[in-house]
Amino acid sequence: MRIRRTLGLILAAATLAGAGAVGAVSAQAASTPTITKEECTAAGGQVKSIPYGGDTCTLPDGTSQRIG
């Protein structure tokens, strides 16, 4: 019984540590938009509207940025 409890605590700690790492990466990815629609089209990019996700700009080099 004691071994199960210890293993459960270890798994719970590992899960929380993994969620913390994912949260940190998501926080960086959710930074403020750095490009406008006009800047996107001027740079030769395409504005795409993603359902429930807002607008994104796909630039000719293949990178994507969120539009504000």
C-alpha atoms as a PDB file:
ATOM      1  CA  MET A   1       0.000   0.000   0.000  1.00  0.00           C
ATOM      2  CA  ARG A   2       2.802   2.394   0.860  1.00  0.00           C
ATOM      3  CA  ILE A   3       4.573   1.674  -2.434  1.00  0.00           C
ATOM      4  CA  ARG A   4       1.411   2.515  -4.418  1.00  0.00           C
ATOM      5  CA  ARG A   5       1.052   5.824  -2.603  1.00  0.00           C
ATOM      6  CA  THR A   6       4.713   6.681  -3.249  1.00  0.00           C
ATOM      7  CA  LEU A   7       4.413   5.786  -6.920  1.00  0.00           C
ATOM      8  CA  GLY A   8       1.232   7.846  -7.166  1.00  0.00           C
ATOM      9  CA  LEU A   9       3.000  10.871  -5.690  1.00  0.00           C
ATOM     10  CA  ILE A  10       5.933  10.437  -8.061  1.00  0.00           C
ATOM     11  CA  LEU A  11       3.619  10.221 -11.080  1.00  0.00           C
ATOM     12  CA  ALA A  12       1.636  13.244  -9.927  1.00  0.00           C
ATOM     13  CA  ALA A  13       4.821  15.299  -9.483  1.00  0.00           C
ATOM     14  CA  ALA A  14       6.088  14.260 -12.917  1.00  0.00           C
ATOM     15  CA  THR A  15       2.765  15.187 -14.497  1.00  0.00           C
ATOM     16  CA  LEU A  16       2.763  18.619 -12.873  1.00  0.00           C
ATOM     17  CA  ALA A  17       6.372  19.208 -13.921  1.00  0.00           C
ATOM     18  CA  GLY A  18       5.476  18.331 -17.519  1.00  0.00           C
ATOM     19  CA  ALA A  19       2.445  20.617 -17.470  1.00  0.00           C
ATOM     20  CA  GLY A  20       4.608  23.414 -16.114  1.00  0.00           C
ATOM     21  CA  ALA A  21       7.058  23.022 -18.978  1.00  0.00           C
ATOM     22  CA  VAL A  22       4.252  23.003 -21.544  1.00  0.00           C
ATOM     23  CA  GLY A  23       2.720  26.065 -19.922  1.00  0.00           C
ATOM     24  CA  ALA A  24       6.009  27.942 -20.181  1.00  0.00           C
ATOM     25  CA  VAL A  25       6.330  27.115 -23.870  1.00  0.00           C
ATOM     26  CA  SER A  26       2.711  28.116 -24.503  1.00  0.00           C
ATOM     27  CA  ALA A  27       3.263  31.409 -22.714  1.00  0.00           C
ATOM     28  CA  GLN A  28       6.116  32.221 -25.077  1.00  0.00           C
ATOM     29  CA  ALA A  29       4.090  31.183 -28.113  1.00  0.00           C
ATOM     30  CA  ALA A  30       1.188  33.375 -27.035  1.00  0.00           C
ATOM     31  CA  SER A  31       3.179  36.597 -27.218  1.00  0.00           C
ATOM     32  CA  THR A  32       1.646  39.736 -28.648  1.00  0.00           C
ATOM     33  CA  PRO A  33       1.257  39.962 -32.420  1.00  0.00           C
ATOM     34  CA  THR A  34       4.165  41.570 -34.217  1.00  0.00           C
ATOM     35  CA  ILE A  35       2.649  42.049 -37.650  1.00  0.00           C
ATOM     36  CA  THR A  36      -0.421  43.702 -39.131  1.00  0.00           C
ATOM     37  CA  LYS A  37      -2.417  42.618 -42.183  1.00  0.00           C
ATOM     38  CA  GLU A  38      -0.923  45.454 -44.215  1.00  0.00           C
ATOM     39  CA  GLU A  39       2.643  44.501 -43.217  1.00  0.00           C
ATOM     40  CA  CYS A  40       1.904  40.884 -44.070  1.00  0.00           C
ATOM     41  CA  THR A  41       0.684  41.605 -47.584  1.00  0.00           C
ATOM     42  CA  ALA A  42       3.516  44.122 -48.153  1.00  0.00           C
ATOM     43  CA  ALA A  43       6.026  41.395 -47.253  1.00  0.00           C
ATOM     44  CA  GLY A  44       4.425  39.034 -49.780  1.00  0.00           C
ATOM     45  CA  GLY A  45       2.626  36.932 -47.174  1.00  0.00           C
ATOM     46  CA  GLN A  46      -0.869  35.479 -47.160  1.00  0.00           C
ATOM     47  CA  VAL A  47      -3.440  36.284 -44.498  1.00  0.00           C
ATOM     48  CA  LYS A  48      -5.369  33.196 -43.416  1.00  0.00           C
ATOM     49  CA  SER A  49      -8.355  33.150 -41.101  1.00  0.00           C
ATOM     50  CA  ILE A  50      -8.405  30.168 -38.748  1.00  0.00           C
ATOM     51  CA  PRO A  51     -11.790  29.306 -37.166  1.00  0.00           C
ATOM     52  CA  TYR A  52     -11.681  30.106 -33.444  1.00  0.00           C
ATOM     53  CA  GLY A  53      -7.999  30.974 -33.819  1.00  0.00           C
ATOM     54  CA  GLY A  54      -7.971  34.420 -35.378  1.00  0.00           C
ATOM     55  CA  ASP A  55      -5.906  35.519 -38.344  1.00  0.00           C
ATOM     56  CA  THR A  56      -2.379  34.420 -39.175  1.00  0.00           C
ATOM     57  CA  CYS A  57       0.153  35.599 -41.712  1.00  0.00           C
ATOM     58  CA  THR A  58       2.096  32.980 -43.638  1.00  0.00           C
ATOM     59  CA  LEU A  59       5.234  34.537 -45.071  1.00  0.00           C
ATOM     60  CA  PRO A  60       7.027  33.315 -48.221  1.00  0.00           C
ATOM     61  CA  ASP A  61       9.781  31.704 -46.126  1.00  0.00           C
ATOM     62  CA  GLY A  62       7.179  29.417 -44.524  1.00  0.00           C
ATOM     63  CA  THR A  63       6.977  31.074 -41.103  1.00  0.00           C
ATOM     64  CA  SER A  64       3.638  32.089 -39.580  1.00  0.00           C
ATOM     65  CA  GLN A  65       2.767  34.928 -37.253  1.00  0.00           C
ATOM     66  CA  ARG A  66      -0.465  35.880 -35.523  1.00  0.00           C
ATOM     67  CA  ILE A  67      -2.164  39.056 -36.645  1.00  0.00           C
ATOM     68  CA  GLY A  68      -3.638  41.406 -34.077  1.00  0.00           C
END
